[in-house]
N, C-alpha and C. Protein backbone atom coordinates (compact mmCIF):
# COMPACT_ATOMS: atom_id res chain seq x y z
N MET A 1 26.37 -12.21 -3.51
CA MET A 1 24.81 -12.23 -3.70
C MET A 1 24.55 -10.77 -4.36
N PRO A 2 23.88 -10.89 -5.57
CA PRO A 2 23.40 -9.55 -6.19
C PRO A 2 22.72 -8.66 -5.45
N ALA A 3 22.80 -7.32 -5.71
CA ALA A 3 22.03 -6.33 -5.06
C ALA A 3 20.67 -6.40 -5.31
N LYS A 4 19.71 -6.14 -4.40
CA LYS A 4 18.24 -6.21 -4.56
C LYS A 4 17.67 -5.13 -5.39
N CYS A 5 16.83 -5.40 -6.32
CA CYS A 5 15.99 -4.41 -6.97
C CYS A 5 14.61 -4.35 -6.30
N ALA A 6 13.98 -3.20 -6.54
CA ALA A 6 12.63 -3.01 -6.10
C ALA A 6 11.77 -3.41 -7.21
N VAL A 7 10.69 -4.20 -6.90
CA VAL A 7 9.67 -4.61 -7.87
C VAL A 7 8.45 -3.85 -7.66
N ARG A 8 7.90 -3.17 -8.68
CA ARG A 8 6.73 -2.28 -8.59
C ARG A 8 5.77 -2.74 -9.58
N TYR A 9 4.54 -2.95 -9.18
CA TYR A 9 3.46 -3.35 -10.00
C TYR A 9 2.80 -2.08 -10.50
N LEU A 10 2.63 -1.89 -11.80
CA LEU A 10 1.90 -0.75 -12.40
C LEU A 10 0.28 -1.05 -12.17
N PRO A 11 -0.50 -0.06 -12.23
CA PRO A 11 -2.03 -0.33 -12.06
C PRO A 11 -2.56 -1.41 -12.98
N ALA A 12 -2.04 -1.36 -14.23
CA ALA A 12 -2.66 -2.42 -15.16
C ALA A 12 -2.20 -3.89 -14.66
N ALA A 13 -1.01 -3.98 -14.18
CA ALA A 13 -0.65 -5.36 -13.61
C ALA A 13 -1.39 -5.75 -12.35
N GLU A 14 -1.67 -4.70 -11.54
CA GLU A 14 -2.48 -4.98 -10.36
C GLU A 14 -3.89 -5.46 -10.79
N ARG A 15 -4.47 -4.79 -11.73
CA ARG A 15 -5.82 -5.15 -12.27
C ARG A 15 -5.67 -6.58 -12.79
N ASP A 16 -4.63 -6.80 -13.54
CA ASP A 16 -4.51 -8.24 -14.05
C ASP A 16 -4.63 -9.43 -13.04
N LEU A 17 -3.76 -9.09 -11.97
CA LEU A 17 -3.79 -10.01 -10.87
C LEU A 17 -5.19 -10.19 -10.28
N LEU A 18 -5.84 -9.13 -10.11
CA LEU A 18 -7.29 -9.24 -9.51
C LEU A 18 -8.16 -10.00 -10.52
N SER A 19 -7.98 -9.73 -11.79
CA SER A 19 -8.80 -10.40 -12.75
C SER A 19 -8.50 -11.96 -12.74
N ILE A 20 -7.23 -12.31 -12.61
CA ILE A 20 -6.82 -13.73 -12.60
C ILE A 20 -7.46 -14.24 -11.30
N HIS A 21 -7.34 -13.67 -10.29
CA HIS A 21 -7.89 -14.12 -9.09
C HIS A 21 -9.47 -14.35 -9.21
N ASP A 22 -10.24 -13.35 -9.78
CA ASP A 22 -11.60 -13.40 -9.74
C ASP A 22 -12.05 -14.60 -10.75
N TRP A 23 -11.24 -14.73 -11.84
CA TRP A 23 -11.58 -15.86 -12.85
C TRP A 23 -11.48 -17.21 -12.14
N ILE A 24 -10.35 -17.43 -11.53
CA ILE A 24 -9.98 -18.78 -10.85
C ILE A 24 -11.10 -18.90 -9.65
N ALA A 25 -11.37 -17.91 -8.90
CA ALA A 25 -12.24 -17.91 -7.75
C ALA A 25 -13.72 -18.43 -8.18
N THR A 26 -14.14 -18.23 -9.40
CA THR A 26 -15.38 -18.77 -9.78
C THR A 26 -15.56 -20.26 -9.54
N ASP A 27 -14.39 -20.88 -9.72
CA ASP A 27 -14.30 -22.32 -9.39
C ASP A 27 -13.97 -22.70 -8.05
N SER A 28 -12.82 -22.07 -7.50
CA SER A 28 -12.22 -22.31 -6.20
C SER A 28 -11.59 -20.97 -5.63
N PRO A 29 -12.25 -20.39 -4.72
CA PRO A 29 -11.64 -19.16 -4.05
C PRO A 29 -10.31 -19.49 -3.46
N SER A 30 -10.22 -20.61 -2.82
CA SER A 30 -8.93 -20.78 -2.07
C SER A 30 -7.85 -21.09 -3.10
N ARG A 31 -8.09 -21.76 -4.20
CA ARG A 31 -7.10 -21.90 -5.26
C ARG A 31 -6.74 -20.60 -5.92
N ALA A 32 -7.71 -19.67 -6.11
CA ALA A 32 -7.49 -18.49 -6.68
C ALA A 32 -6.32 -17.64 -5.81
N LEU A 33 -6.65 -17.56 -4.46
CA LEU A 33 -5.52 -16.93 -3.67
C LEU A 33 -4.36 -17.49 -3.64
N ALA A 34 -4.22 -18.94 -3.55
CA ALA A 34 -3.00 -19.51 -3.66
C ALA A 34 -2.30 -19.36 -4.93
N PHE A 35 -2.89 -19.21 -6.04
CA PHE A 35 -2.27 -19.15 -7.33
C PHE A 35 -1.71 -17.69 -7.46
N VAL A 36 -2.57 -16.70 -7.09
CA VAL A 36 -1.97 -15.39 -7.18
C VAL A 36 -0.89 -15.14 -6.17
N GLU A 37 -0.83 -15.71 -5.09
CA GLU A 37 0.21 -15.62 -4.22
C GLU A 37 1.49 -16.26 -4.76
N GLU A 38 1.25 -17.38 -5.49
CA GLU A 38 2.45 -18.00 -6.15
C GLU A 38 2.99 -17.14 -7.35
N LEU A 39 2.02 -16.60 -8.05
CA LEU A 39 2.52 -15.61 -9.21
C LEU A 39 3.42 -14.57 -8.54
N ASP A 40 2.95 -14.00 -7.38
CA ASP A 40 3.58 -12.74 -6.73
C ASP A 40 4.91 -13.39 -6.18
N ARG A 41 5.03 -14.56 -5.63
CA ARG A 41 6.27 -14.92 -5.20
C ARG A 41 7.22 -15.22 -6.29
N ARG A 42 6.78 -15.80 -7.39
CA ARG A 42 7.59 -16.00 -8.52
C ARG A 42 8.11 -14.65 -9.13
N ILE A 43 7.22 -13.75 -9.26
CA ILE A 43 7.59 -12.37 -9.68
C ILE A 43 8.56 -11.68 -8.78
N GLY A 44 8.51 -12.01 -7.48
CA GLY A 44 9.48 -11.45 -6.55
C GLY A 44 10.81 -11.90 -6.66
N GLN A 45 11.05 -13.05 -7.52
CA GLN A 45 12.44 -13.32 -7.78
C GLN A 45 13.25 -12.40 -8.66
N LEU A 46 12.48 -11.55 -9.29
CA LEU A 46 13.02 -10.54 -10.11
C LEU A 46 13.85 -9.49 -9.16
N LYS A 47 13.51 -9.45 -7.88
CA LYS A 47 14.22 -8.61 -7.09
C LYS A 47 15.73 -8.88 -7.09
N THR A 48 15.91 -10.21 -7.05
CA THR A 48 17.34 -10.65 -7.08
C THR A 48 17.90 -10.90 -8.51
N TYR A 49 17.07 -11.35 -9.36
CA TYR A 49 17.43 -11.72 -10.80
C TYR A 49 16.49 -10.97 -11.72
N PRO A 50 16.73 -9.69 -11.97
CA PRO A 50 15.88 -8.95 -12.78
C PRO A 50 15.93 -9.16 -14.21
N TYR A 51 16.93 -10.03 -14.76
CA TYR A 51 16.99 -10.38 -16.09
C TYR A 51 16.62 -11.89 -16.26
N LEU A 52 15.88 -12.46 -15.22
CA LEU A 52 15.49 -13.74 -15.31
C LEU A 52 14.60 -14.03 -16.53
N GLY A 53 13.78 -13.13 -16.89
CA GLY A 53 12.80 -13.34 -18.06
C GLY A 53 13.66 -13.10 -19.36
N ARG A 54 12.97 -13.67 -20.46
CA ARG A 54 13.62 -13.55 -21.77
C ARG A 54 13.08 -12.22 -22.45
N ILE A 55 13.90 -11.92 -23.57
CA ILE A 55 13.42 -10.78 -24.43
C ILE A 55 12.27 -11.37 -25.38
N PRO A 56 11.11 -10.71 -25.45
CA PRO A 56 10.00 -11.20 -26.26
C PRO A 56 10.36 -11.23 -27.69
N ARG A 57 9.57 -12.06 -28.38
CA ARG A 57 9.91 -12.25 -29.81
C ARG A 57 9.32 -11.19 -30.71
N TYR A 58 8.32 -10.41 -30.17
CA TYR A 58 7.67 -9.34 -30.89
C TYR A 58 8.43 -8.10 -30.97
N PRO A 59 9.02 -7.68 -32.14
CA PRO A 59 9.65 -6.52 -32.22
C PRO A 59 9.18 -5.20 -31.56
N ASN A 60 7.88 -5.14 -31.72
CA ASN A 60 7.30 -3.89 -30.97
C ASN A 60 7.46 -3.90 -29.47
N LEU A 61 7.57 -5.11 -28.82
CA LEU A 61 7.78 -5.24 -27.44
C LEU A 61 9.24 -5.08 -27.22
N GLN A 62 10.14 -5.53 -28.04
CA GLN A 62 11.56 -5.56 -27.88
C GLN A 62 12.03 -3.93 -27.79
N LYS A 63 11.43 -3.19 -28.78
CA LYS A 63 11.95 -1.84 -28.91
C LYS A 63 11.62 -1.01 -27.66
N PHE A 64 10.59 -1.42 -26.89
CA PHE A 64 10.37 -0.71 -25.62
C PHE A 64 11.13 -1.13 -24.40
N GLY A 65 11.99 -2.39 -24.58
CA GLY A 65 12.78 -2.78 -23.56
C GLY A 65 12.06 -3.73 -22.71
N TYR A 66 10.94 -4.41 -23.10
CA TYR A 66 10.23 -5.35 -22.33
C TYR A 66 11.03 -6.67 -22.30
N ARG A 67 10.87 -7.33 -21.12
CA ARG A 67 11.31 -8.65 -20.89
C ARG A 67 10.05 -9.44 -20.40
N VAL A 68 10.06 -10.68 -20.70
CA VAL A 68 8.90 -11.48 -20.29
C VAL A 68 9.27 -12.79 -19.40
N LEU A 69 8.67 -13.01 -18.26
CA LEU A 69 8.78 -14.14 -17.54
C LEU A 69 7.69 -14.99 -17.63
N VAL A 70 7.79 -16.17 -17.98
CA VAL A 70 6.72 -17.09 -18.09
C VAL A 70 6.56 -17.94 -16.79
N ILE A 71 5.28 -17.77 -16.32
CA ILE A 71 4.94 -18.54 -15.11
C ILE A 71 3.66 -19.42 -15.36
N GLU A 72 3.81 -20.67 -15.62
CA GLU A 72 2.69 -21.65 -15.97
C GLU A 72 2.24 -20.96 -17.33
N ALA A 73 0.89 -20.66 -17.39
CA ALA A 73 0.31 -20.24 -18.71
C ALA A 73 0.26 -18.75 -18.88
N TYR A 74 0.83 -18.07 -17.88
CA TYR A 74 0.76 -16.58 -17.78
C TYR A 74 2.18 -15.90 -18.21
N LEU A 75 2.07 -14.83 -18.75
CA LEU A 75 3.28 -14.07 -19.18
C LEU A 75 3.31 -12.82 -18.39
N VAL A 76 4.47 -12.51 -17.75
CA VAL A 76 4.65 -11.30 -16.95
C VAL A 76 5.56 -10.38 -17.74
N PHE A 77 5.00 -9.38 -18.18
CA PHE A 77 5.86 -8.33 -19.02
C PHE A 77 6.33 -7.19 -17.94
N TYR A 78 7.61 -6.96 -18.17
CA TYR A 78 8.26 -5.99 -17.16
C TYR A 78 9.43 -5.31 -17.91
N ILE A 79 9.84 -4.29 -17.30
CA ILE A 79 10.99 -3.47 -17.79
C ILE A 79 11.87 -3.18 -16.60
N VAL A 80 13.16 -3.23 -16.85
CA VAL A 80 14.10 -2.99 -15.77
C VAL A 80 14.64 -1.65 -16.07
N ARG A 81 14.62 -0.76 -15.07
CA ARG A 81 15.18 0.52 -15.19
C ARG A 81 16.00 0.86 -13.98
N GLY A 82 17.35 0.61 -14.08
CA GLY A 82 18.21 0.80 -12.89
C GLY A 82 18.06 -0.32 -11.89
N ARG A 83 17.70 0.01 -10.71
CA ARG A 83 17.39 -0.99 -9.70
C ARG A 83 15.90 -1.22 -9.49
N ILE A 84 15.13 -0.78 -10.47
CA ILE A 84 13.62 -0.98 -10.38
C ILE A 84 13.08 -1.81 -11.51
N VAL A 85 12.28 -2.82 -11.00
CA VAL A 85 11.72 -3.68 -12.01
C VAL A 85 10.16 -3.31 -12.04
N LYS A 86 9.68 -2.86 -13.21
CA LYS A 86 8.32 -2.33 -13.26
C LYS A 86 7.55 -3.36 -13.99
N ILE A 87 6.51 -4.05 -13.24
CA ILE A 87 5.72 -5.02 -13.83
C ILE A 87 4.58 -4.30 -14.53
N HIS A 88 4.54 -4.49 -15.85
CA HIS A 88 3.49 -3.81 -16.71
C HIS A 88 2.16 -4.56 -16.87
N ARG A 89 2.24 -5.91 -17.18
CA ARG A 89 1.19 -6.79 -17.29
C ARG A 89 1.38 -8.04 -16.83
N VAL A 90 0.34 -8.81 -16.53
CA VAL A 90 0.36 -10.31 -16.11
C VAL A 90 -0.75 -10.89 -16.99
N ILE A 91 -0.69 -11.61 -18.05
CA ILE A 91 -1.59 -11.86 -18.98
C ILE A 91 -1.47 -13.35 -19.40
N HIS A 92 -2.52 -14.02 -19.62
CA HIS A 92 -2.57 -15.40 -20.07
C HIS A 92 -1.91 -15.40 -21.58
N GLY A 93 -1.08 -16.34 -21.70
CA GLY A 93 -0.27 -16.57 -22.99
C GLY A 93 -1.21 -16.71 -24.14
N SER A 94 -2.46 -17.14 -24.02
CA SER A 94 -3.18 -17.42 -25.24
C SER A 94 -3.79 -16.10 -25.89
N ARG A 95 -3.65 -15.00 -25.10
CA ARG A 95 -4.24 -13.66 -25.57
C ARG A 95 -3.34 -13.15 -26.67
N TYR A 96 -3.89 -12.26 -27.48
CA TYR A 96 -3.12 -11.58 -28.54
C TYR A 96 -2.34 -10.43 -27.81
N LEU A 97 -0.96 -10.56 -27.87
CA LEU A 97 -0.23 -9.66 -27.05
C LEU A 97 0.10 -8.32 -27.45
N GLU A 98 0.25 -8.13 -28.76
CA GLU A 98 0.74 -6.87 -29.19
C GLU A 98 -0.16 -5.63 -28.99
N ASP A 99 -1.53 -5.94 -28.87
CA ASP A 99 -2.49 -4.84 -28.53
C ASP A 99 -2.67 -4.71 -27.02
N ILE A 100 -2.05 -5.51 -26.29
CA ILE A 100 -2.39 -5.48 -24.76
C ILE A 100 -1.13 -4.75 -23.97
N VAL A 101 0.09 -5.09 -24.34
CA VAL A 101 1.15 -4.56 -23.59
C VAL A 101 1.43 -3.22 -23.96
């Protein structure tokens, strides 16, 4: 079994999760909580498999070392540094990405 990494959410990623929750909660508060918990659970897989996500196609994101994990319609942008996985953003895939990350 691979050694575990620590997963840390940066403040922007925490705000993203709150925004996702609030957006979904306008229709269904219980679904919003369940969905954000599922996002967190799936992101938690990076503790064991930090390179689970792919390298993004945008050169600007590649040069900073980002990886992206796709969870339904959301993209989780993160960087692996040693045994730490830093979650930078969790955004909907339909958004223009280069100005966000």
